Amino acid sequence: MAFEISKVCEILSEQCRASSPNTEIITSQLKLFINTHEKSFQFSHINKDEMNSFVNLIFDVLSLNVSSDVKYHSLSCLRIVSRQKDNLDALVTQPSLDLLINLRFVFAHQRLGVRDIVDSDNIWKAELESIKCLCNVVFQNSAAQQIVSNSCCASAILERSAKVIEGCDIPFD
């Protein structure tokens, strides 16, 4: 069965509108995208409108009250999408970048108060994905560079990221 972004978007949209979103369904759709595109750097088979819809839905998922594992998979999708140089419109907005920046610091704060190793690991993975996604977006897009530099948070992100990353075995994806 071929990957259909429109079907993934339809399912994610239904779940985001539901009064009680099914995180298993959301995660399965996110994993479908990740498994299909984990090695992709261009998405010429996905038109710009579909890609923007997908990215906006990912931000909708990130705004839901869901586990750090769901947020990790959402951020993994954004990290993969952010590898491309074109069609980053939905990713390169002040609200989108603000959400990524805020999530990165929320995860850092959550990790400090978590005693459960599994939860701590999921939060760590989500925090790392948010850093990777931010780096990809800022590296690939001059508008994102301008937004981040205007928010005066670039140095704080780099400083905090260096502390988090120091001594860790980070995969290069």
N, C-alpha and C. Protein backbone atom coordinates (compact mmCIF):
# COMPACT_ATOMS: atom_id res chain seq x y z
N MET A 1 0.84 -1.18 0.00
CA MET A 1 0.00 0.00 0.00
C MET A 1 0.88 1.24 0.00
N ALA A 2 0.64 2.16 -0.90
CA ALA A 2 1.42 3.38 -1.01
C ALA A 2 1.04 4.36 0.09
N PHE A 3 2.02 5.15 0.49
CA PHE A 3 1.79 6.17 1.50
C PHE A 3 0.94 7.29 0.90
N GLU A 4 -0.11 7.68 1.60
CA GLU A 4 -0.98 8.76 1.15
C GLU A 4 -1.06 9.82 2.24
N ILE A 5 -0.41 10.96 1.99
CA ILE A 5 -0.41 12.03 2.98
C ILE A 5 -1.82 12.55 3.25
N SER A 6 -2.67 12.55 2.23
CA SER A 6 -4.03 13.05 2.42
C SER A 6 -4.80 12.18 3.42
N LYS A 7 -4.59 10.86 3.37
CA LYS A 7 -5.26 9.96 4.31
C LYS A 7 -4.74 10.18 5.73
N VAL A 8 -3.43 10.36 5.87
CA VAL A 8 -2.83 10.63 7.19
C VAL A 8 -3.39 11.93 7.75
N CYS A 9 -3.48 12.95 6.90
CA CYS A 9 -4.02 14.24 7.33
C CYS A 9 -5.48 14.12 7.76
N GLU A 10 -6.23 13.36 7.01
CA GLU A 10 -7.65 13.16 7.35
C GLU A 10 -7.79 12.50 8.73
N ILE A 11 -7.01 11.47 8.98
CA ILE A 11 -7.08 10.76 10.26
C ILE A 11 -6.61 11.65 11.40
N LEU A 12 -5.49 12.35 11.20
CA LEU A 12 -4.99 13.25 12.25
C LEU A 12 -5.99 14.37 12.54
N SER A 13 -6.60 14.90 11.50
CA SER A 13 -7.59 15.96 11.67
C SER A 13 -8.77 15.47 12.51
N GLU A 14 -9.27 14.28 12.20
CA GLU A 14 -10.38 13.70 12.97
C GLU A 14 -10.00 13.55 14.44
N GLN A 15 -8.80 13.08 14.69
CA GLN A 15 -8.36 12.86 16.07
C GLN A 15 -8.16 14.18 16.82
N CYS A 16 -7.64 15.19 16.15
CA CYS A 16 -7.42 16.49 16.78
C CYS A 16 -8.74 17.17 17.14
N ARG A 17 -9.78 16.89 16.36
CA ARG A 17 -11.11 17.48 16.62
C ARG A 17 -11.91 16.68 17.64
N ALA A 18 -11.52 15.45 17.89
CA ALA A 18 -12.28 14.58 18.80
C ALA A 18 -12.20 15.10 20.22
N SER A 19 -13.26 14.86 20.98
CA SER A 19 -13.27 15.29 22.38
C SER A 19 -12.25 14.50 23.20
N SER A 20 -12.03 13.26 22.82
CA SER A 20 -11.00 12.42 23.46
C SER A 20 -10.16 11.77 22.36
N PRO A 21 -9.11 12.46 21.92
CA PRO A 21 -8.29 11.91 20.83
C PRO A 21 -7.68 10.56 21.22
N ASN A 22 -7.66 9.65 20.27
CA ASN A 22 -7.07 8.33 20.48
C ASN A 22 -5.58 8.42 20.15
N THR A 23 -4.75 8.43 21.19
CA THR A 23 -3.31 8.61 20.97
C THR A 23 -2.67 7.43 20.24
N GLU A 24 -3.28 6.25 20.33
CA GLU A 24 -2.75 5.11 19.58
C GLU A 24 -2.92 5.32 18.08
N ILE A 25 -4.06 5.85 17.68
CA ILE A 25 -4.31 6.13 16.26
C ILE A 25 -3.37 7.25 15.80
N ILE A 26 -3.24 8.29 16.60
CA ILE A 26 -2.34 9.40 16.25
C ILE A 26 -0.92 8.88 16.08
N THR A 27 -0.46 8.12 17.06
CA THR A 27 0.91 7.59 17.01
C THR A 27 1.11 6.68 15.80
N SER A 28 0.13 5.87 15.47
CA SER A 28 0.28 4.97 14.31
C SER A 28 0.43 5.76 13.01
N GLN A 29 -0.29 6.86 12.89
CA GLN A 29 -0.19 7.70 11.69
C GLN A 29 1.16 8.43 11.64
N LEU A 30 1.61 8.89 12.78
CA LEU A 30 2.92 9.56 12.85
C LEU A 30 4.03 8.58 12.50
N LYS A 31 3.94 7.37 13.04
CA LYS A 31 4.94 6.34 12.75
C LYS A 31 4.92 5.95 11.28
N LEU A 32 3.74 5.93 10.67
CA LEU A 32 3.64 5.63 9.25
C LEU A 32 4.44 6.65 8.44
N PHE A 33 4.27 7.93 8.76
CA PHE A 33 5.05 8.96 8.08
C PHE A 33 6.54 8.79 8.34
N ILE A 34 6.91 8.57 9.59
CA ILE A 34 8.33 8.42 9.96
C ILE A 34 8.95 7.24 9.23
N ASN A 35 8.30 6.09 9.27
CA ASN A 35 8.85 4.89 8.64
C ASN A 35 8.96 5.03 7.13
N THR A 36 8.03 5.76 6.53
CA THR A 36 8.04 5.95 5.08
C THR A 36 9.10 6.96 4.66
N HIS A 37 9.36 7.96 5.51
CA HIS A 37 10.21 9.08 5.10
C HIS A 37 11.46 9.30 5.93
N GLU A 38 11.82 8.34 6.79
CA GLU A 38 12.94 8.57 7.69
C GLU A 38 14.26 8.87 6.97
N LYS A 39 14.41 8.44 5.74
CA LYS A 39 15.64 8.69 4.98
C LYS A 39 15.45 9.78 3.92
N SER A 40 14.28 10.41 3.90
CA SER A 40 13.98 11.41 2.87
C SER A 40 14.51 12.79 3.24
N PHE A 41 14.93 13.52 2.22
CA PHE A 41 15.35 14.90 2.39
C PHE A 41 14.56 15.83 1.47
N GLN A 42 13.83 15.27 0.56
CA GLN A 42 12.96 16.03 -0.34
C GLN A 42 11.62 15.31 -0.41
N PHE A 43 10.58 16.10 -0.61
CA PHE A 43 9.22 15.54 -0.63
C PHE A 43 8.48 16.02 -1.87
N SER A 44 9.08 15.84 -3.02
CA SER A 44 8.49 16.31 -4.27
C SER A 44 7.17 15.62 -4.59
N HIS A 45 6.94 14.45 -4.01
CA HIS A 45 5.69 13.72 -4.23
C HIS A 45 4.54 14.26 -3.37
N ILE A 46 4.85 15.17 -2.46
CA ILE A 46 3.82 15.79 -1.62
C ILE A 46 3.74 17.26 -2.01
N ASN A 47 2.56 17.69 -2.45
CA ASN A 47 2.46 19.09 -2.88
C ASN A 47 2.50 20.03 -1.67
N LYS A 48 2.75 21.28 -1.94
CA LYS A 48 2.96 22.28 -0.90
C LYS A 48 1.76 22.40 0.06
N ASP A 49 0.55 22.40 -0.48
CA ASP A 49 -0.65 22.52 0.36
C ASP A 49 -0.80 21.32 1.30
N GLU A 50 -0.55 20.12 0.76
CA GLU A 50 -0.63 18.92 1.59
C GLU A 50 0.42 18.95 2.70
N MET A 51 1.63 19.39 2.34
CA MET A 51 2.70 19.45 3.33
C MET A 51 2.36 20.47 4.42
N ASN A 52 1.86 21.62 4.02
CA ASN A 52 1.48 22.63 5.01
C ASN A 52 0.35 22.13 5.90
N SER A 53 -0.61 21.42 5.32
CA SER A 53 -1.70 20.84 6.12
C SER A 53 -1.15 19.84 7.12
N PHE A 54 -0.25 18.99 6.65
CA PHE A 54 0.36 17.99 7.52
C PHE A 54 1.10 18.65 8.68
N VAL A 55 1.92 19.64 8.37
CA VAL A 55 2.69 20.34 9.41
C VAL A 55 1.76 21.03 10.40
N ASN A 56 0.72 21.68 9.90
CA ASN A 56 -0.23 22.34 10.80
C ASN A 56 -0.93 21.33 11.72
N LEU A 57 -1.24 20.15 11.18
CA LEU A 57 -1.85 19.11 12.00
C LEU A 57 -0.87 18.59 13.06
N ILE A 58 0.39 18.52 12.71
CA ILE A 58 1.40 18.11 13.70
C ILE A 58 1.44 19.12 14.84
N PHE A 59 1.37 20.40 14.50
CA PHE A 59 1.34 21.41 15.56
C PHE A 59 0.05 21.31 16.38
N ASP A 60 -1.05 20.93 15.74
CA ASP A 60 -2.29 20.70 16.48
C ASP A 60 -2.11 19.55 17.47
N VAL A 61 -1.45 18.47 17.03
CA VAL A 61 -1.19 17.33 17.92
C VAL A 61 -0.31 17.78 19.08
N LEU A 62 0.72 18.57 18.79
CA LEU A 62 1.61 19.05 19.84
C LEU A 62 0.89 19.92 20.86
N SER A 63 -0.19 20.54 20.43
CA SER A 63 -0.97 21.41 21.33
C SER A 63 -1.95 20.62 22.20
N LEU A 64 -2.17 19.36 21.85
CA LEU A 64 -3.07 18.51 22.65
C LEU A 64 -2.39 18.10 23.95
N ASN A 65 -3.19 17.70 24.90
CA ASN A 65 -2.66 17.18 26.16
C ASN A 65 -2.36 15.69 25.95
N VAL A 66 -1.20 15.40 25.35
CA VAL A 66 -0.81 14.03 25.04
C VAL A 66 0.53 13.72 25.70
N SER A 67 0.88 12.45 25.71
CA SER A 67 2.12 12.01 26.37
C SER A 67 3.36 12.53 25.64
N SER A 68 4.47 12.48 26.33
CA SER A 68 5.73 12.89 25.72
C SER A 68 6.11 11.96 24.57
N ASP A 69 5.63 10.71 24.61
CA ASP A 69 5.90 9.78 23.51
C ASP A 69 5.20 10.23 22.22
N VAL A 70 3.95 10.67 22.32
CA VAL A 70 3.23 11.19 21.15
C VAL A 70 3.92 12.46 20.66
N LYS A 71 4.33 13.30 21.59
CA LYS A 71 5.04 14.53 21.20
C LYS A 71 6.37 14.21 20.54
N TYR A 72 7.05 13.18 21.03
CA TYR A 72 8.30 12.74 20.40
C TYR A 72 8.07 12.36 18.94
N HIS A 73 7.04 11.56 18.69
CA HIS A 73 6.76 11.14 17.31
C HIS A 73 6.32 12.33 16.45
N SER A 74 5.58 13.25 17.03
CA SER A 74 5.18 14.46 16.31
C SER A 74 6.42 15.27 15.92
N LEU A 75 7.31 15.45 16.88
CA LEU A 75 8.54 16.21 16.62
C LEU A 75 9.45 15.48 15.63
N SER A 76 9.43 14.16 15.66
CA SER A 76 10.21 13.39 14.68
C SER A 76 9.71 13.67 13.27
N CYS A 77 8.39 13.75 13.11
CA CYS A 77 7.82 14.10 11.80
C CYS A 77 8.27 15.49 11.38
N LEU A 78 8.21 16.44 12.29
CA LEU A 78 8.64 17.80 11.96
C LEU A 78 10.13 17.85 11.63
N ARG A 79 10.92 17.08 12.37
CA ARG A 79 12.37 17.04 12.09
C ARG A 79 12.62 16.53 10.67
N ILE A 80 11.91 15.49 10.29
CA ILE A 80 12.07 14.92 8.94
C ILE A 80 11.64 15.94 7.89
N VAL A 81 10.49 16.56 8.09
CA VAL A 81 10.00 17.58 7.14
C VAL A 81 10.97 18.75 7.06
N SER A 82 11.55 19.12 8.19
CA SER A 82 12.42 20.30 8.23
C SER A 82 13.75 20.11 7.53
N ARG A 83 14.03 18.92 7.05
CA ARG A 83 15.27 18.68 6.30
C ARG A 83 15.25 19.32 4.92
N GLN A 84 14.08 19.51 4.39
CA GLN A 84 14.00 20.09 3.05
C GLN A 84 14.16 21.60 3.12
N LYS A 85 14.61 22.18 2.03
CA LYS A 85 14.82 23.63 1.99
C LYS A 85 13.58 24.37 1.54
N ASP A 86 12.73 23.72 0.79
CA ASP A 86 11.52 24.36 0.27
C ASP A 86 10.30 23.87 1.03
N ASN A 87 9.21 24.59 0.83
CA ASN A 87 7.92 24.22 1.41
C ASN A 87 7.94 24.14 2.93
N LEU A 88 8.66 25.06 3.56
CA LEU A 88 8.69 25.10 5.02
C LEU A 88 7.77 26.18 5.57
N ASP A 89 6.85 26.67 4.75
CA ASP A 89 6.00 27.80 5.14
C ASP A 89 5.31 27.60 6.49
N ALA A 90 4.70 26.45 6.69
CA ALA A 90 3.96 26.21 7.92
C ALA A 90 4.89 26.06 9.13
N LEU A 91 6.13 25.68 8.88
CA LEU A 91 7.10 25.53 9.97
C LEU A 91 7.74 26.87 10.33
N VAL A 92 7.84 27.76 9.37
CA VAL A 92 8.57 29.01 9.57
C VAL A 92 7.59 30.16 9.82
N THR A 93 6.93 30.08 10.94
CA THR A 93 6.07 31.17 11.40
C THR A 93 6.44 31.44 12.85
N GLN A 94 6.17 32.62 13.29
CA GLN A 94 6.48 32.96 14.68
C GLN A 94 5.80 32.01 15.66
N PRO A 95 4.48 31.73 15.50
CA PRO A 95 3.84 30.80 16.45
C PRO A 95 4.43 29.39 16.42
N SER A 96 4.77 28.90 15.22
CA SER A 96 5.34 27.55 15.12
C SER A 96 6.69 27.46 15.79
N LEU A 97 7.55 28.43 15.50
CA LEU A 97 8.87 28.43 16.12
C LEU A 97 8.77 28.66 17.62
N ASP A 98 7.85 29.52 18.04
CA ASP A 98 7.65 29.75 19.48
C ASP A 98 7.24 28.45 20.17
N LEU A 99 6.34 27.69 19.54
CA LEU A 99 5.91 26.42 20.13
C LEU A 99 7.09 25.46 20.25
N LEU A 100 7.90 25.35 19.21
CA LEU A 100 9.08 24.47 19.27
C LEU A 100 10.04 24.90 20.37
N ILE A 101 10.27 26.19 20.45
CA ILE A 101 11.18 26.72 21.49
C ILE A 101 10.60 26.45 22.87
N ASN A 102 9.32 26.74 23.05
CA ASN A 102 8.69 26.53 24.35
C ASN A 102 8.66 25.06 24.74
N LEU A 103 8.36 24.18 23.78
CA LEU A 103 8.36 22.75 24.08
C LEU A 103 9.72 22.28 24.55
N ARG A 104 10.74 22.78 23.92
CA ARG A 104 12.10 22.40 24.25
C ARG A 104 12.38 22.70 25.72
N PHE A 105 11.93 23.86 26.21
CA PHE A 105 12.16 24.22 27.60
C PHE A 105 11.17 23.53 28.54
N VAL A 106 9.95 23.27 28.07
CA VAL A 106 8.98 22.51 28.87
C VAL A 106 9.51 21.11 29.14
N PHE A 107 10.05 20.47 28.11
CA PHE A 107 10.60 19.12 28.30
C PHE A 107 11.76 19.14 29.29
N ALA A 108 12.62 20.14 29.19
CA ALA A 108 13.75 20.24 30.12
C ALA A 108 13.24 20.36 31.55
N HIS A 109 12.21 21.16 31.75
CA HIS A 109 11.63 21.34 33.08
C HIS A 109 10.95 20.06 33.57
N GLN A 110 10.22 19.39 32.68
CA GLN A 110 9.53 18.15 33.05
C GLN A 110 10.53 17.08 33.48
N ARG A 111 11.62 17.01 32.76
CA ARG A 111 12.62 15.98 33.04
C ARG A 111 13.17 16.10 34.46
N LEU A 112 13.27 17.33 34.96
CA LEU A 112 13.79 17.54 36.30
C LEU A 112 12.90 16.96 37.38
N GLY A 113 11.58 16.94 37.15
CA GLY A 113 10.66 16.48 38.17
C GLY A 113 10.19 15.05 38.02
N VAL A 114 10.69 14.32 37.03
CA VAL A 114 10.22 12.96 36.76
C VAL A 114 11.12 11.95 37.44
N ARG A 115 10.48 11.02 38.13
CA ARG A 115 11.24 9.98 38.83
C ARG A 115 11.20 8.65 38.08
N ASP A 116 10.21 8.46 37.23
CA ASP A 116 10.06 7.23 36.46
C ASP A 116 11.04 7.23 35.30
N ILE A 117 11.86 6.20 35.20
CA ILE A 117 12.90 6.13 34.17
C ILE A 117 12.30 6.15 32.76
N VAL A 118 11.21 5.41 32.53
CA VAL A 118 10.59 5.36 31.20
C VAL A 118 10.09 6.74 30.80
N ASP A 119 9.36 7.41 31.71
CA ASP A 119 8.88 8.75 31.41
C ASP A 119 10.04 9.70 31.16
N SER A 120 11.06 9.59 31.96
CA SER A 120 12.23 10.46 31.81
C SER A 120 12.88 10.25 30.45
N ASP A 121 12.99 9.00 30.02
CA ASP A 121 13.58 8.69 28.73
C ASP A 121 12.72 9.25 27.59
N ASN A 122 11.39 9.11 27.69
CA ASN A 122 10.50 9.65 26.66
C ASN A 122 10.59 11.18 26.60
N ILE A 123 10.68 11.81 27.76
CA ILE A 123 10.80 13.27 27.79
C ILE A 123 12.13 13.68 27.18
N TRP A 124 13.20 12.96 27.52
CA TRP A 124 14.52 13.25 26.96
C TRP A 124 14.50 13.13 25.43
N LYS A 125 13.89 12.06 24.92
CA LYS A 125 13.83 11.88 23.46
C LYS A 125 13.04 13.01 22.81
N ALA A 126 11.94 13.42 23.41
CA ALA A 126 11.14 14.51 22.86
C ALA A 126 11.91 15.83 22.91
N GLU A 127 12.62 16.05 24.00
CA GLU A 127 13.43 17.27 24.12
C GLU A 127 14.50 17.30 23.02
N LEU A 128 15.16 16.19 22.81
CA LEU A 128 16.20 16.10 21.79
C LEU A 128 15.61 16.31 20.39
N GLU A 129 14.44 15.74 20.13
CA GLU A 129 13.79 15.94 18.83
C GLU A 129 13.46 17.42 18.60
N SER A 130 13.02 18.11 19.65
CA SER A 130 12.70 19.53 19.51
C SER A 130 13.96 20.32 19.17
N ILE A 131 15.09 19.96 19.76
CA ILE A 131 16.36 20.63 19.45
C ILE A 131 16.75 20.36 18.00
N LYS A 132 16.66 19.11 17.58
CA LYS A 132 17.02 18.76 16.19
C LYS A 132 16.14 19.49 15.20
N CYS A 133 14.85 19.54 15.48
CA CYS A 133 13.90 20.21 14.59
C CYS A 133 14.22 21.70 14.50
N LEU A 134 14.44 22.34 15.63
CA LEU A 134 14.80 23.76 15.63
C LEU A 134 16.07 24.00 14.82
N CYS A 135 17.07 23.16 15.04
CA CYS A 135 18.33 23.31 14.29
C CYS A 135 18.10 23.17 12.79
N ASN A 136 17.34 22.16 12.38
CA ASN A 136 17.06 21.97 10.96
C ASN A 136 16.36 23.18 10.36
N VAL A 137 15.33 23.65 11.03
CA VAL A 137 14.54 24.77 10.50
C VAL A 137 15.40 26.01 10.38
N VAL A 138 16.15 26.30 11.43
CA VAL A 138 16.98 27.51 11.43
C VAL A 138 18.10 27.38 10.39
N PHE A 139 18.69 26.20 10.27
CA PHE A 139 19.76 25.99 9.30
C PHE A 139 19.25 26.12 7.86
N GLN A 140 18.05 25.61 7.59
CA GLN A 140 17.53 25.56 6.22
C GLN A 140 16.86 26.83 5.74
N ASN A 141 16.50 27.73 6.65
CA ASN A 141 15.63 28.82 6.23
C ASN A 141 16.05 30.16 6.82
N SER A 142 16.29 31.13 5.95
CA SER A 142 16.74 32.46 6.41
C SER A 142 15.64 33.19 7.18
N ALA A 143 14.38 32.97 6.84
CA ALA A 143 13.29 33.60 7.58
C ALA A 143 13.26 33.08 9.02
N ALA A 144 13.50 31.79 9.19
CA ALA A 144 13.55 31.21 10.54
C ALA A 144 14.74 31.79 11.31
N GLN A 145 15.85 31.98 10.63
CA GLN A 145 17.02 32.58 11.27
C GLN A 145 16.68 33.97 11.80
N GLN A 146 15.95 34.73 11.02
CA GLN A 146 15.56 36.08 11.42
C GLN A 146 14.61 36.05 12.62
N ILE A 147 13.63 35.17 12.56
CA ILE A 147 12.65 35.07 13.66
C ILE A 147 13.36 34.70 14.96
N VAL A 148 14.23 33.69 14.90
CA VAL A 148 14.91 33.23 16.11
C VAL A 148 15.87 34.31 16.63
N SER A 149 16.57 34.98 15.73
CA SER A 149 17.50 36.01 16.20
C SER A 149 16.75 37.20 16.79
N ASN A 150 15.58 37.53 16.26
CA ASN A 150 14.77 38.63 16.80
C ASN A 150 14.18 38.29 18.16
N SER A 151 14.01 37.00 18.45
CA SER A 151 13.39 36.62 19.73
C SER A 151 14.42 36.56 20.86
N CYS A 152 15.68 36.77 20.53
CA CYS A 152 16.75 36.77 21.53
C CYS A 152 16.88 35.45 22.26
N CYS A 153 16.43 34.37 21.67
CA CYS A 153 16.50 33.09 22.36
C CYS A 153 17.57 32.18 21.75
N ALA A 154 18.17 32.59 20.64
CA ALA A 154 19.13 31.72 19.97
C ALA A 154 20.28 31.32 20.90
N SER A 155 20.84 32.28 21.60
CA SER A 155 21.97 31.96 22.49
C SER A 155 21.52 31.07 23.64
N ALA A 156 20.31 31.30 24.17
CA ALA A 156 19.80 30.47 25.26
C ALA A 156 19.58 29.03 24.79
N ILE A 157 19.05 28.88 23.57
CA ILE A 157 18.84 27.54 23.02
C ILE A 157 20.17 26.82 22.86
N LEU A 158 21.14 27.52 22.27
CA LEU A 158 22.46 26.91 22.06
C LEU A 158 23.13 26.55 23.38
N GLU A 159 23.07 27.45 24.34
CA GLU A 159 23.70 27.21 25.64
C GLU A 159 23.06 26.02 26.34
N ARG A 160 21.74 26.00 26.40
CA ARG A 160 21.03 24.91 27.07
C ARG A 160 21.21 23.60 26.31
N SER A 161 21.19 23.66 24.99
CA SER A 161 21.36 22.47 24.18
C SER A 161 22.74 21.87 24.40
N ALA A 162 23.75 22.72 24.49
CA ALA A 162 25.11 22.23 24.73
C ALA A 162 25.20 21.49 26.06
N LYS A 163 24.51 22.00 27.08
CA LYS A 163 24.51 21.35 28.39
C LYS A 163 23.80 20.00 28.32
N VAL A 164 22.69 19.94 27.60
CA VAL A 164 21.91 18.70 27.49
C VAL A 164 22.69 17.66 26.69
N ILE A 165 23.30 18.10 25.61
CA ILE A 165 23.95 17.19 24.68
C ILE A 165 25.30 16.70 25.18
N GLU A 166 25.95 17.47 26.02
CA GLU A 166 27.28 17.15 26.52
C GLU A 166 27.33 15.73 27.08
N GLY A 167 28.19 14.92 26.51
CA GLY A 167 28.39 13.57 27.01
C GLY A 167 27.32 12.58 26.62
N CYS A 168 26.38 12.94 25.76
CA CYS A 168 25.31 12.03 25.36
C CYS A 168 25.61 11.43 23.99
N ASP A 169 25.13 10.23 23.79
CA ASP A 169 25.28 9.56 22.49
C ASP A 169 24.06 9.90 21.65
N ILE A 170 24.23 10.86 20.74
CA ILE A 170 23.10 11.36 19.95
C ILE A 170 23.21 10.82 18.52
N PRO A 171 22.15 10.18 18.05
CA PRO A 171 22.16 9.70 16.66
C PRO A 171 22.16 10.87 15.69
N PHE A 172 22.84 10.74 14.58
CA PHE A 172 22.93 11.81 13.59
C PHE A 172 21.84 11.69 12.55
N ASP A 173 20.61 11.96 12.96
CA ASP A 173 19.49 11.94 12.02
C ASP A 173 18.81 13.27 12.08
